[in-house]
Amino acid sequence: MMKKIRKALEEYNRYRGVEAEAKLISIDKDVVTLEFRGSFCETCGYYDWIEDIIYILEEHSLKSEIIEIKELDDGAIAKIKYKERDEETT
């Protein structure tokens, strides 16, 4: 599970790192806490930058949902609940 999360963060930062960067803060059972920092292209929508990680986690077979976002002056802390996607539903 940890390997999938790290790969997803690596991919997120590779493509979005110019305007938003995600950093792993913690993983507790089925919740990952991430810190997002950056300029966040405002025309794209602040929350869109955070929601993008959900799509990338899905690509790595982790069904995910944002359960909390704490806004910061130059970013956010997001808690994301995840579980391994059933192979039957893929």
C-alpha atoms as a PDB file:
ATOM      1  CA  MET A   1       0.000   0.000   0.000  1.00  0.00           C
ATOM      2  CA  MET A   2       2.771   2.400   0.958  1.00  0.00           C
ATOM      3  CA  LYS A   3       4.530   1.754  -2.343  1.00  0.00           C
ATOM      4  CA  LYS A   4       1.381   2.676  -4.301  1.00  0.00           C
ATOM      5  CA  ILE A   5       0.939   5.894  -2.324  1.00  0.00           C
ATOM      6  CA  ARG A   6       4.559   6.914  -2.843  1.00  0.00           C
ATOM      7  CA  LYS A   7       4.327   6.171  -6.586  1.00  0.00           C
ATOM      8  CA  ALA A   8       1.143   8.255  -6.824  1.00  0.00           C
ATOM      9  CA  LEU A   9       2.830  11.189  -5.039  1.00  0.00           C
ATOM     10  CA  GLU A  10       5.850  10.897  -7.305  1.00  0.00           C
ATOM     11  CA  GLU A  11       3.594  11.037 -10.361  1.00  0.00           C
ATOM     12  CA  TYR A  12       1.568  13.950  -8.951  1.00  0.00           C
ATOM     13  CA  ASN A  13       4.705  15.977  -8.271  1.00  0.00           C
ATOM     14  CA  ARG A  14       6.243  15.138 -11.640  1.00  0.00           C
ATOM     15  CA  TYR A  15       3.338  16.645 -13.558  1.00  0.00           C
ATOM     16  CA  ARG A  16       2.054  19.294 -11.161  1.00  0.00           C
ATOM     17  CA  GLY A  17       5.175  20.244  -9.223  1.00  0.00           C
ATOM     18  CA  VAL A  18       5.546  23.601 -10.941  1.00  0.00           C
ATOM     19  CA  GLU A  19       2.349  24.906  -9.348  1.00  0.00           C
ATOM     20  CA  ALA A  20       1.542  22.418  -6.576  1.00  0.00           C
ATOM     21  CA  GLU A  21       3.598  19.870  -4.699  1.00  0.00           C
ATOM     22  CA  ALA A  22       2.285  17.106  -2.456  1.00  0.00           C
ATOM     23  CA  LYS A  23       4.248  15.817   0.530  1.00  0.00           C
ATOM     24  CA  LEU A  24       3.401  12.799   2.672  1.00  0.00           C
ATOM     25  CA  ILE A  25       2.825  13.717   6.306  1.00  0.00           C
ATOM     26  CA  SER A  26       1.460  10.445   7.683  1.00  0.00           C
ATOM     27  CA  ILE A  27      -0.358   7.218   6.988  1.00  0.00           C
ATOM     28  CA  ASP A  28      -2.704   5.854   9.638  1.00  0.00           C
ATOM     29  CA  LYS A  29      -4.445   2.585   8.853  1.00  0.00           C
ATOM     30  CA  ASP A  30      -6.724   3.749   5.994  1.00  0.00           C
ATOM     31  CA  VAL A  31      -6.093   7.525   6.010  1.00  0.00           C
ATOM     32  CA  VAL A  32      -3.185   9.319   4.385  1.00  0.00           C
ATOM     33  CA  THR A  33      -2.413  12.929   5.340  1.00  0.00           C
ATOM     34  CA  LEU A  34      -0.791  15.064   2.658  1.00  0.00           C
ATOM     35  CA  GLU A  35       0.531  18.605   2.620  1.00  0.00           C
ATOM     36  CA  PHE A  36       0.040  20.604  -0.570  1.00  0.00           C
ATOM     37  CA  ARG A  37       2.141  23.717  -1.206  1.00  0.00           C
ATOM     38  CA  GLY A  38       2.556  25.944  -4.201  1.00  0.00           C
ATOM     39  CA  SER A  39       1.095  28.757  -6.239  1.00  0.00           C
ATOM     40  CA  PHE A  40      -1.984  26.709  -7.291  1.00  0.00           C
ATOM     41  CA  CYS A  41      -3.016  28.223 -10.611  1.00  0.00           C
ATOM     42  CA  GLU A  42      -6.136  30.021  -9.413  1.00  0.00           C
ATOM     43  CA  THR A  43      -7.934  29.752 -12.738  1.00  0.00           C
ATOM     44  CA  CYS A  44      -7.856  25.967 -12.397  1.00  0.00           C
ATOM     45  CA  GLY A  45      -9.489  26.067  -8.977  1.00  0.00           C
ATOM     46  CA  TYR A  46      -7.757  25.653  -5.631  1.00  0.00           C
ATOM     47  CA  TYR A  47      -9.514  22.390  -4.729  1.00  0.00           C
ATOM     48  CA  ASP A  48      -8.920  20.902  -8.170  1.00  0.00           C
ATOM     49  CA  TRP A  49      -5.215  20.707  -7.363  1.00  0.00           C
ATOM     50  CA  ILE A  50      -5.975  18.674  -4.256  1.00  0.00           C
ATOM     51  CA  GLU A  51      -8.625  16.507  -5.928  1.00  0.00           C
ATOM     52  CA  ASP A  52      -6.153  15.540  -8.669  1.00  0.00           C
ATOM     53  CA  ILE A  53      -4.387  13.185  -6.243  1.00  0.00           C
ATOM     54  CA  ILE A  54      -7.604  11.129  -6.004  1.00  0.00           C
ATOM     55  CA  TYR A  55      -7.484  10.353  -9.718  1.00  0.00           C
ATOM     56  CA  ILE A  56      -3.839   9.383  -9.527  1.00  0.00           C
ATOM     57  CA  LEU A  57      -4.440   7.122  -6.513  1.00  0.00           C
ATOM     58  CA  GLU A  58      -7.252   5.481  -8.505  1.00  0.00           C
ATOM     59  CA  GLU A  59      -4.776   4.778 -11.307  1.00  0.00           C
ATOM     60  CA  HIS A  60      -2.686   2.958  -8.688  1.00  0.00           C
ATOM     61  CA  SER A  61      -5.682   0.798  -7.606  1.00  0.00           C
ATOM     62  CA  LEU A  62      -6.503   2.829  -4.484  1.00  0.00           C
ATOM     63  CA  LYS A  63     -10.113   3.960  -4.194  1.00  0.00           C
ATOM     64  CA  SER A  64      -9.905   7.274  -2.359  1.00  0.00           C
ATOM     65  CA  GLU A  65     -11.941  10.162  -1.035  1.00  0.00           C
ATOM     66  CA  ILE A  66     -11.011  13.441   0.602  1.00  0.00           C
ATOM     67  CA  ILE A  67     -12.404  13.522   4.134  1.00  0.00           C
ATOM     68  CA  GLU A  68     -10.887  16.796   5.356  1.00  0.00           C
ATOM     69  CA  ILE A  69      -9.066  19.828   3.987  1.00  0.00           C
ATOM     70  CA  LYS A  70      -7.426  22.417   6.194  1.00  0.00           C
ATOM     71  CA  GLU A  71      -6.550  25.525   4.218  1.00  0.00           C
ATOM     72  CA  LEU A  72      -3.178  27.187   4.828  1.00  0.00           C
ATOM     73  CA  ASP A  73      -1.866  30.557   3.628  1.00  0.00           C
ATOM     74  CA  ASP A  74       0.133  28.920   0.847  1.00  0.00           C
ATOM     75  CA  GLY A  75      -1.384  25.474   0.615  1.00  0.00           C
ATOM     76  CA  ALA A  76      -3.455  22.889   2.422  1.00  0.00           C
ATOM     77  CA  ILE A  77      -3.376  19.778   4.561  1.00  0.00           C
ATOM     78  CA  ALA A  78      -5.675  17.066   3.207  1.00  0.00           C
ATOM     79  CA  LYS A  79      -6.761  13.820   4.821  1.00  0.00           C
ATOM     80  CA  ILE A  80      -7.656  11.156   2.301  1.00  0.00           C
ATOM     81  CA  LYS A  81      -9.326   7.870   3.118  1.00  0.00           C
ATOM     82  CA  TYR A  82      -8.246   5.048   0.831  1.00  0.00           C
ATOM     83  CA  LYS A  83      -8.677   1.335   0.282  1.00  0.00           C
ATOM     84  CA  GLU A  84      -7.349  -1.116  -2.227  1.00  0.00           C
ATOM     85  CA  ARG A  85      -9.772  -1.453  -5.113  1.00  0.00           C
ATOM     86  CA  ASP A  86     -11.260  -4.919  -5.530  1.00  0.00           C
ATOM     87  CA  GLU A  87      -9.782  -6.651  -8.531  1.00  0.00           C
ATOM     88  CA  GLU A  88     -13.308  -7.683  -9.619  1.00  0.00           C
ATOM     89  CA  THR A  89     -14.371  -4.036 -10.035  1.00  0.00           C
ATOM     90  CA  THR A  90     -11.344  -2.955 -12.076  1.00  0.00           C
END
